[in-house]
Every structure is written in structure tokens, then in C-alpha cells.
Amino acid sequence: MINVLQAAEAVQQPGMGSFWIMMLAMVAVMYFFMWRPESKRRKEMTKFREGLKKGDKVITAGGIYATVKEVKETTLLIEVDSNVTLRVDKNMVVADNSQLQK
């Protein structure tokens, strides 16, 4: 009878090994579902911003639809309407308007 109780207690108390396995599983899930996709999205956005050229139709973070008139290292000159231009930071361009309209 004592052997059965000791066996039951041994089964009920998980060891430190299972704790580390659960922690490793949580880190793996966070990596594959959060960090990796975010890193991929960030790389694609950087590639998109570096590839901007004159004449591209873009949307800014503020929701302004515009056409790129001039590209510099960190800024863009965009035309919002006839004779209305704005200088914005490249990081504020979030989408390519020409692809969204197709």
C-alpha cells in the first residue's frame, strides 16, 4: 500500500525538467508567432522605403494619399494636390497606394 502512495506522489509532483521544457516551449511559440513575423514585416517595410522613387503613389501614417516628387536619404517631398507639397520622414510612409488600388 505504501508503494502505491509513493508512486502516486511521484507522478503528481513534476520535476524541474518539465518546468524547463514548458519555458522552452513558450519561448519557441513566442518566436514563431510574434518575433519572427514582426522581424520579417519590418525588413519588408525597410526594403519598400529604400526602394521609393519619384512618381510612386504612397500613403502616409496620417492617411495622406500623395505622389513622391523627390527622394532624399531620410525624407521625401510628396505632392498631395496641385502645387501642394509636404516634406515627410521616410518612416511615415506606410503603404504603396498603386498596389492598393488594383
N, C-alpha and C. Protein backbone atom coordinates (compact mmCIF):
# COMPACT_ATOMS: atom_id res chain seq x y z
N MET A 1 0.82 -1.19 0.00
CA MET A 1 0.00 0.00 0.00
C MET A 1 0.86 1.26 0.00
N ILE A 2 1.96 1.22 0.73
CA ILE A 2 2.84 2.37 0.80
C ILE A 2 3.50 2.61 -0.55
N ASN A 3 3.84 1.57 -1.25
CA ASN A 3 4.46 1.73 -2.56
C ASN A 3 3.54 2.43 -3.54
N VAL A 4 2.25 2.16 -3.46
CA VAL A 4 1.27 2.80 -4.35
C VAL A 4 1.18 4.28 -4.04
N LEU A 5 1.16 4.68 -2.75
CA LEU A 5 1.10 6.09 -2.37
C LEU A 5 2.37 6.83 -2.80
N GLN A 6 3.51 6.20 -2.63
CA GLN A 6 4.76 6.83 -3.04
C GLN A 6 4.80 7.01 -4.56
N ALA A 7 4.29 6.08 -5.29
CA ALA A 7 4.25 6.17 -6.75
C ALA A 7 3.30 7.29 -7.18
N ALA A 8 2.16 7.42 -6.48
CA ALA A 8 1.19 8.47 -6.80
C ALA A 8 1.79 9.84 -6.53
N GLU A 9 2.51 10.00 -5.44
CA GLU A 9 3.14 11.28 -5.12
C GLU A 9 4.21 11.62 -6.15
N ALA A 10 4.94 10.63 -6.60
CA ALA A 10 5.99 10.87 -7.59
C ALA A 10 5.39 11.32 -8.91
N VAL A 11 4.23 10.82 -9.27
CA VAL A 11 3.58 11.22 -10.51
C VAL A 11 3.00 12.62 -10.40
N GLN A 12 2.50 13.00 -9.24
CA GLN A 12 1.84 14.28 -9.06
C GLN A 12 2.81 15.45 -9.00
N GLN A 13 4.02 15.24 -8.58
CA GLN A 13 4.98 16.33 -8.43
C GLN A 13 5.91 16.38 -9.64
N PRO A 14 5.70 17.35 -10.53
CA PRO A 14 6.58 17.46 -11.69
C PRO A 14 7.96 17.95 -11.27
N GLY A 15 8.96 17.50 -11.98
CA GLY A 15 10.33 17.90 -11.67
C GLY A 15 10.70 19.18 -12.37
N MET A 16 11.91 19.64 -12.15
CA MET A 16 12.39 20.87 -12.79
C MET A 16 12.56 20.68 -14.30
N GLY A 17 12.73 19.45 -14.73
CA GLY A 17 12.87 19.20 -16.16
C GLY A 17 11.64 19.61 -16.94
N SER A 18 10.47 19.31 -16.43
CA SER A 18 9.24 19.69 -17.14
C SER A 18 9.03 21.21 -17.11
N PHE A 19 9.51 21.87 -16.05
CA PHE A 19 9.43 23.33 -15.99
C PHE A 19 10.24 23.94 -17.13
N TRP A 20 11.46 23.45 -17.34
CA TRP A 20 12.31 23.99 -18.40
C TRP A 20 11.78 23.66 -19.78
N ILE A 21 11.15 22.50 -19.91
CA ILE A 21 10.54 22.14 -21.19
C ILE A 21 9.39 23.09 -21.50
N MET A 22 8.57 23.41 -20.51
CA MET A 22 7.45 24.35 -20.71
C MET A 22 7.98 25.75 -21.04
N MET A 23 9.02 26.19 -20.36
CA MET A 23 9.59 27.51 -20.64
C MET A 23 10.15 27.56 -22.06
N LEU A 24 10.84 26.51 -22.47
CA LEU A 24 11.38 26.44 -23.81
C LEU A 24 10.25 26.43 -24.85
N ALA A 25 9.19 25.72 -24.57
CA ALA A 25 8.04 25.69 -25.48
C ALA A 25 7.40 27.07 -25.60
N MET A 26 7.30 27.80 -24.49
CA MET A 26 6.72 29.15 -24.53
C MET A 26 7.59 30.10 -25.35
N VAL A 27 8.90 30.02 -25.18
CA VAL A 27 9.81 30.87 -25.96
C VAL A 27 9.70 30.52 -27.44
N ALA A 28 9.62 29.25 -27.77
CA ALA A 28 9.50 28.83 -29.17
C ALA A 28 8.21 29.34 -29.79
N VAL A 29 7.11 29.26 -29.06
CA VAL A 29 5.83 29.76 -29.57
C VAL A 29 5.91 31.27 -29.78
N MET A 30 6.47 31.99 -28.81
CA MET A 30 6.59 33.45 -28.97
C MET A 30 7.47 33.79 -30.18
N TYR A 31 8.55 33.03 -30.39
CA TYR A 31 9.43 33.31 -31.52
C TYR A 31 8.70 33.10 -32.84
N PHE A 32 8.04 31.97 -33.01
CA PHE A 32 7.41 31.65 -34.29
C PHE A 32 6.13 32.42 -34.56
N PHE A 33 5.43 32.88 -33.53
CA PHE A 33 4.17 33.58 -33.76
C PHE A 33 4.25 35.08 -33.55
N MET A 34 5.32 35.59 -32.93
CA MET A 34 5.41 37.03 -32.68
C MET A 34 6.68 37.65 -33.23
N TRP A 35 7.85 37.23 -32.77
CA TRP A 35 9.09 37.90 -33.12
C TRP A 35 9.46 37.71 -34.58
N ARG A 36 9.38 36.51 -35.08
CA ARG A 36 9.80 36.22 -36.46
C ARG A 36 8.92 36.94 -37.48
N PRO A 37 7.58 36.89 -37.37
CA PRO A 37 6.76 37.63 -38.34
C PRO A 37 6.98 39.15 -38.26
N GLU A 38 7.16 39.68 -37.05
CA GLU A 38 7.39 41.11 -36.91
C GLU A 38 8.71 41.51 -37.54
N SER A 39 9.74 40.71 -37.36
CA SER A 39 11.04 40.98 -37.97
C SER A 39 10.94 40.94 -39.49
N LYS A 40 10.20 39.98 -40.01
CA LYS A 40 10.02 39.87 -41.46
C LYS A 40 9.26 41.09 -42.00
N ARG A 41 8.21 41.51 -41.30
CA ARG A 41 7.42 42.67 -41.73
C ARG A 41 8.28 43.93 -41.70
N ARG A 42 9.11 44.09 -40.66
CA ARG A 42 9.98 45.25 -40.54
C ARG A 42 11.00 45.30 -41.68
N LYS A 43 11.57 44.15 -42.05
CA LYS A 43 12.53 44.09 -43.15
C LYS A 43 11.87 44.45 -44.47
N GLU A 44 10.64 43.96 -44.70
CA GLU A 44 9.92 44.28 -45.93
C GLU A 44 9.61 45.77 -46.01
N MET A 45 9.23 46.38 -44.88
CA MET A 45 8.90 47.80 -44.86
C MET A 45 10.16 48.63 -45.12
N THR A 46 11.29 48.23 -44.57
CA THR A 46 12.55 48.94 -44.81
C THR A 46 12.93 48.84 -46.28
N LYS A 47 12.77 47.66 -46.86
CA LYS A 47 13.07 47.46 -48.29
C LYS A 47 12.15 48.33 -49.15
N PHE A 48 10.87 48.41 -48.79
CA PHE A 48 9.90 49.23 -49.52
C PHE A 48 10.30 50.70 -49.46
N ARG A 49 10.65 51.18 -48.27
CA ARG A 49 11.01 52.59 -48.11
C ARG A 49 12.30 52.94 -48.84
N GLU A 50 13.26 52.02 -48.86
CA GLU A 50 14.51 52.27 -49.57
C GLU A 50 14.30 52.27 -51.09
N GLY A 51 13.28 51.57 -51.56
CA GLY A 51 13.02 51.48 -52.99
C GLY A 51 12.10 52.55 -53.54
N LEU A 52 11.70 53.52 -52.72
CA LEU A 52 10.82 54.58 -53.20
C LEU A 52 11.53 55.44 -54.23
N LYS A 53 10.77 55.85 -55.26
CA LYS A 53 11.35 56.70 -56.30
C LYS A 53 10.31 57.72 -56.73
N LYS A 54 10.75 58.69 -57.49
CA LYS A 54 9.89 59.76 -57.96
C LYS A 54 8.73 59.17 -58.77
N GLY A 55 7.52 59.64 -58.48
CA GLY A 55 6.33 59.18 -59.19
C GLY A 55 5.55 58.10 -58.48
N ASP A 56 6.12 57.49 -57.43
CA ASP A 56 5.39 56.45 -56.68
C ASP A 56 4.23 57.07 -55.93
N LYS A 57 3.12 56.36 -55.91
CA LYS A 57 1.96 56.80 -55.14
C LYS A 57 2.00 56.10 -53.79
N VAL A 58 1.92 56.89 -52.70
CA VAL A 58 2.09 56.36 -51.35
C VAL A 58 0.99 56.86 -50.42
N ILE A 59 0.91 56.21 -49.26
CA ILE A 59 0.02 56.64 -48.19
C ILE A 59 0.89 56.83 -46.95
N THR A 60 0.72 57.97 -46.26
CA THR A 60 1.50 58.23 -45.06
C THR A 60 0.79 57.65 -43.84
N ALA A 61 1.48 57.67 -42.71
CA ALA A 61 0.92 57.17 -41.45
C ALA A 61 -0.30 58.00 -41.03
N GLY A 62 -0.36 59.23 -41.46
CA GLY A 62 -1.51 60.09 -41.14
C GLY A 62 -2.67 59.91 -42.10
N GLY A 63 -2.54 59.03 -43.08
CA GLY A 63 -3.63 58.77 -44.01
C GLY A 63 -3.64 59.69 -45.21
N ILE A 64 -2.54 60.37 -45.49
CA ILE A 64 -2.46 61.28 -46.63
C ILE A 64 -2.04 60.49 -47.87
N TYR A 65 -2.83 60.59 -48.92
CA TYR A 65 -2.52 59.97 -50.20
C TYR A 65 -1.72 60.97 -51.01
N ALA A 66 -0.57 60.55 -51.52
CA ALA A 66 0.30 61.50 -52.20
C ALA A 66 1.15 60.80 -53.26
N THR A 67 1.85 61.63 -54.03
CA THR A 67 2.79 61.16 -55.04
C THR A 67 4.18 61.67 -54.67
N VAL A 68 5.18 60.81 -54.75
CA VAL A 68 6.54 61.19 -54.40
C VAL A 68 7.11 62.10 -55.49
N LYS A 69 7.62 63.26 -55.07
CA LYS A 69 8.26 64.18 -56.02
C LYS A 69 9.77 64.16 -55.93
N GLU A 70 10.29 63.90 -54.72
CA GLU A 70 11.74 63.94 -54.51
C GLU A 70 12.09 62.99 -53.37
N VAL A 71 13.18 62.26 -53.53
CA VAL A 71 13.62 61.31 -52.50
C VAL A 71 15.00 61.72 -52.01
N LYS A 72 15.12 61.88 -50.70
CA LYS A 72 16.43 62.14 -50.09
C LYS A 72 16.74 60.99 -49.15
N GLU A 73 17.84 61.09 -48.42
CA GLU A 73 18.28 59.98 -47.58
C GLU A 73 17.26 59.61 -46.51
N THR A 74 16.74 60.61 -45.80
CA THR A 74 15.80 60.32 -44.72
C THR A 74 14.43 60.96 -44.92
N THR A 75 14.27 61.78 -45.93
CA THR A 75 13.00 62.48 -46.14
C THR A 75 12.49 62.30 -47.56
N LEU A 76 11.21 62.60 -47.72
CA LEU A 76 10.57 62.60 -49.03
C LEU A 76 9.84 63.91 -49.22
N LEU A 77 9.79 64.39 -50.44
CA LEU A 77 8.93 65.51 -50.78
C LEU A 77 7.76 64.89 -51.53
N ILE A 78 6.56 65.04 -50.97
CA ILE A 78 5.39 64.42 -51.59
C ILE A 78 4.42 65.50 -52.04
N GLU A 79 3.73 65.22 -53.13
CA GLU A 79 2.73 66.14 -53.65
C GLU A 79 1.36 65.59 -53.30
N VAL A 80 0.61 66.39 -52.55
CA VAL A 80 -0.71 65.99 -52.10
C VAL A 80 -1.77 66.41 -53.11
N ASP A 81 -1.64 67.61 -53.65
CA ASP A 81 -2.57 68.15 -54.62
C ASP A 81 -1.77 69.05 -55.55
N SER A 82 -2.39 69.65 -56.51
CA SER A 82 -1.66 70.56 -57.40
C SER A 82 -1.02 71.68 -56.59
N ASN A 83 0.29 71.81 -56.74
CA ASN A 83 1.08 72.84 -56.05
C ASN A 83 1.02 72.76 -54.53
N VAL A 84 0.69 71.61 -53.96
CA VAL A 84 0.72 71.41 -52.51
C VAL A 84 1.70 70.27 -52.23
N THR A 85 2.84 70.64 -51.65
CA THR A 85 3.86 69.63 -51.36
C THR A 85 4.17 69.63 -49.87
N LEU A 86 4.57 68.47 -49.38
CA LEU A 86 4.94 68.29 -47.98
C LEU A 86 6.26 67.54 -47.92
N ARG A 87 7.08 67.89 -46.94
CA ARG A 87 8.30 67.11 -46.70
C ARG A 87 8.02 66.23 -45.49
N VAL A 88 8.15 64.93 -45.67
CA VAL A 88 7.87 63.98 -44.59
C VAL A 88 9.07 63.05 -44.40
N ASP A 89 9.16 62.48 -43.22
CA ASP A 89 10.18 61.48 -42.93
C ASP A 89 9.82 60.19 -43.67
N LYS A 90 10.82 59.47 -44.15
CA LYS A 90 10.57 58.22 -44.86
C LYS A 90 9.83 57.20 -44.00
N ASN A 91 10.08 57.24 -42.70
CA ASN A 91 9.44 56.28 -41.80
C ASN A 91 7.94 56.50 -41.68
N MET A 92 7.43 57.63 -42.15
CA MET A 92 6.00 57.90 -42.07
C MET A 92 5.24 57.38 -43.28
N VAL A 93 5.93 56.85 -44.26
CA VAL A 93 5.27 56.23 -45.42
C VAL A 93 5.00 54.78 -45.06
N VAL A 94 3.72 54.39 -45.11
CA VAL A 94 3.35 53.05 -44.63
C VAL A 94 2.82 52.12 -45.71
N ALA A 95 2.43 52.66 -46.88
CA ALA A 95 1.86 51.77 -47.89
C ALA A 95 2.08 52.34 -49.29
N ASP A 96 2.05 51.45 -50.25
CA ASP A 96 2.15 51.81 -51.67
C ASP A 96 0.73 51.90 -52.21
N ASN A 97 0.29 53.08 -52.54
CA ASN A 97 -1.08 53.31 -52.99
C ASN A 97 -1.35 52.68 -54.35
N SER A 98 -0.38 52.56 -55.20
CA SER A 98 -0.62 51.99 -56.54
C SER A 98 -0.99 50.52 -56.45
N GLN A 99 -0.45 49.78 -55.47
CA GLN A 99 -0.80 48.37 -55.31
C GLN A 99 -2.15 48.19 -54.65
N LEU A 100 -2.55 49.14 -53.81
CA LEU A 100 -3.83 49.01 -53.12
C LEU A 100 -5.02 49.27 -54.04
N GLN A 101 -4.83 50.05 -55.08
CA GLN A 101 -5.93 50.39 -55.97
C GLN A 101 -6.21 49.32 -57.01
N LYS A 102 -5.32 48.36 -57.18
CA LYS A 102 -5.50 47.34 -58.22
C LYS A 102 -6.55 46.33 -57.81
